[in-house]
Amino acid sequence: MAKKKGAGKEFTKLGREIHKMANKQDLIAIPNRLKLFIHGKPTRRWWFADTKKEVLISAEYGLVDAEAFEFLKRGLKKQ
């Protein structure tokens, strides 16, 4: 499948947004270093850790870019 034009800029911008959103929620965002190509677009997997409890709070297989963005947009449930 061919790469989509402008996908690299979107990829970088989304990564920055995910890091900013995670920082606002006191989370550490951990991306993988590989660019996976899904439907011709670069993507990566993300894991999140709580800075206070120092535990991994996302799925063990990681969340792809869109899933990570939605995860952070929903926010953590306050207990």
C-alpha atoms as a PDB file:
ATOM      1  CA  MET A   1       0.000   0.000   0.000  1.00  0.00           C
ATOM      2  CA  ALA A   2       1.298   3.466  -0.866  1.00  0.00           C
ATOM      3  CA  LYS A   3       2.183   6.062   1.744  1.00  0.00           C
ATOM      4  CA  LYS A   4      -0.194   9.018   2.049  1.00  0.00           C
ATOM      5  CA  LYS A   5       1.170  12.532   1.476  1.00  0.00           C
ATOM      6  CA  GLY A   6       1.409  14.645   4.616  1.00  0.00           C
ATOM      7  CA  ALA A   7       1.192  11.584   6.836  1.00  0.00           C
ATOM      8  CA  GLY A   8       4.623  12.302   8.322  1.00  0.00           C
ATOM      9  CA  LYS A   9       3.580  15.747   9.558  1.00  0.00           C
ATOM     10  CA  GLU A  10       0.334  14.385  11.005  1.00  0.00           C
ATOM     11  CA  PHE A  11       2.325  11.597  12.681  1.00  0.00           C
ATOM     12  CA  THR A  12       4.688  14.074  14.360  1.00  0.00           C
ATOM     13  CA  LYS A  13       1.880  16.474  15.360  1.00  0.00           C
ATOM     14  CA  LEU A  14      -0.205  13.670  16.891  1.00  0.00           C
ATOM     15  CA  GLY A  15       2.812  12.460  18.870  1.00  0.00           C
ATOM     16  CA  ARG A  16       3.319  15.921  20.352  1.00  0.00           C
ATOM     17  CA  GLU A  17      -0.376  16.193  21.233  1.00  0.00           C
ATOM     18  CA  ILE A  18      -0.362  12.807  22.952  1.00  0.00           C
ATOM     19  CA  HIS A  19       2.681  13.784  25.037  1.00  0.00           C
ATOM     20  CA  LYS A  20       1.066  17.114  26.043  1.00  0.00           C
ATOM     21  CA  MET A  21      -2.240  15.470  26.992  1.00  0.00           C
ATOM     22  CA  ALA A  22      -0.440  12.806  29.024  1.00  0.00           C
ATOM     23  CA  ASN A  23       1.614  15.409  30.909  1.00  0.00           C
ATOM     24  CA  LYS A  24      -1.550  17.331  31.831  1.00  0.00           C
ATOM     25  CA  GLN A  25      -2.950  14.143  33.381  1.00  0.00           C
ATOM     26  CA  ASP A  26       0.286  13.338  35.273  1.00  0.00           C
ATOM     27  CA  LEU A  27       1.062  10.398  33.019  1.00  0.00           C
ATOM     28  CA  ILE A  28       4.227   9.280  31.322  1.00  0.00           C
ATOM     29  CA  ALA A  29       3.684   8.550  27.621  1.00  0.00           C
ATOM     30  CA  ILE A  30       5.918   5.774  26.306  1.00  0.00           C
ATOM     31  CA  PRO A  31       5.859   5.266  22.512  1.00  0.00           C
ATOM     32  CA  ASN A  32       7.559   2.466  20.664  1.00  0.00           C
ATOM     33  CA  ARG A  33      10.409   3.531  18.420  1.00  0.00           C
ATOM     34  CA  LEU A  34       9.065   1.845  15.307  1.00  0.00           C
ATOM     35  CA  LYS A  35       6.778   3.374  12.743  1.00  0.00           C
ATOM     36  CA  LEU A  36       4.174   0.815  11.800  1.00  0.00           C
ATOM     37  CA  PHE A  37       2.322   1.376   8.552  1.00  0.00           C
ATOM     38  CA  ILE A  38      -1.395   0.693   8.840  1.00  0.00           C
ATOM     39  CA  HIS A  39      -3.528   1.585   5.816  1.00  0.00           C
ATOM     40  CA  GLY A  40      -0.604   3.508   4.334  1.00  0.00           C
ATOM     41  CA  LYS A  41      -0.187   5.785   7.357  1.00  0.00           C
ATOM     42  CA  PRO A  42       2.636   5.671   9.886  1.00  0.00           C
ATOM     43  CA  THR A  43       1.520   4.851  13.414  1.00  0.00           C
ATOM     44  CA  ARG A  44       3.095   3.687  16.651  1.00  0.00           C
ATOM     45  CA  ARG A  45       2.036   2.012  19.880  1.00  0.00           C
ATOM     46  CA  TRP A  46       1.767   3.876  23.181  1.00  0.00           C
ATOM     47  CA  TRP A  47       1.832   2.839  26.817  1.00  0.00           C
ATOM     48  CA  PHE A  48       0.995   5.100  29.749  1.00  0.00           C
ATOM     49  CA  ALA A  49       2.282   5.028  33.302  1.00  0.00           C
ATOM     50  CA  ASP A  50       0.990   6.933  36.316  1.00  0.00           C
ATOM     51  CA  THR A  51       3.747   9.211  37.648  1.00  0.00           C
ATOM     52  CA  LYS A  52       2.475   9.066  41.237  1.00  0.00           C
ATOM     53  CA  LYS A  53       1.763   5.335  41.549  1.00  0.00           C
ATOM     54  CA  GLU A  54       4.524   4.369  39.077  1.00  0.00           C
ATOM     55  CA  VAL A  55       2.380   1.677  37.438  1.00  0.00           C
ATOM     56  CA  LEU A  56       1.497   0.939  33.843  1.00  0.00           C
ATOM     57  CA  ILE A  57      -2.174   1.794  33.315  1.00  0.00           C
ATOM     58  CA  SER A  58      -2.761   1.029  29.636  1.00  0.00           C
ATOM     59  CA  ALA A  59      -3.217  -2.281  27.871  1.00  0.00           C
ATOM     60  CA  GLU A  60      -0.135  -4.485  27.812  1.00  0.00           C
ATOM     61  CA  TYR A  61      -0.051  -4.639  23.990  1.00  0.00           C
ATOM     62  CA  GLY A  62      -0.148  -0.828  23.768  1.00  0.00           C
ATOM     63  CA  LEU A  63      -2.567   1.511  22.051  1.00  0.00           C
ATOM     64  CA  VAL A  64      -2.085   2.714  18.488  1.00  0.00           C
ATOM     65  CA  ASP A  65      -2.034   6.484  17.921  1.00  0.00           C
ATOM     66  CA  ALA A  66      -5.802   6.985  17.489  1.00  0.00           C
ATOM     67  CA  GLU A  67      -6.625   4.730  20.451  1.00  0.00           C
ATOM     68  CA  ALA A  68      -4.083   6.542  22.647  1.00  0.00           C
ATOM     69  CA  PHE A  69      -5.539   9.923  21.701  1.00  0.00           C
ATOM     70  CA  GLU A  70      -9.075   8.753  22.577  1.00  0.00           C
ATOM     71  CA  PHE A  71      -7.823   7.205  25.838  1.00  0.00           C
ATOM     72  CA  LEU A  72      -6.330  10.534  26.905  1.00  0.00           C
ATOM     73  CA  LYS A  73      -9.317  12.530  25.667  1.00  0.00           C
ATOM     74  CA  ARG A  74     -11.633  10.495  27.919  1.00  0.00           C
ATOM     75  CA  GLY A  75      -9.297  11.107  30.850  1.00  0.00           C
ATOM     76  CA  LEU A  76      -8.725   8.957  33.893  1.00  0.00           C
ATOM     77  CA  LYS A  77     -11.667   8.089  36.061  1.00  0.00           C
ATOM     78  CA  LYS A  78     -11.249   9.719  39.455  1.00  0.00           C
ATOM     79  CA  GLN A  79     -11.530   7.253  42.306  1.00  0.00           C
END
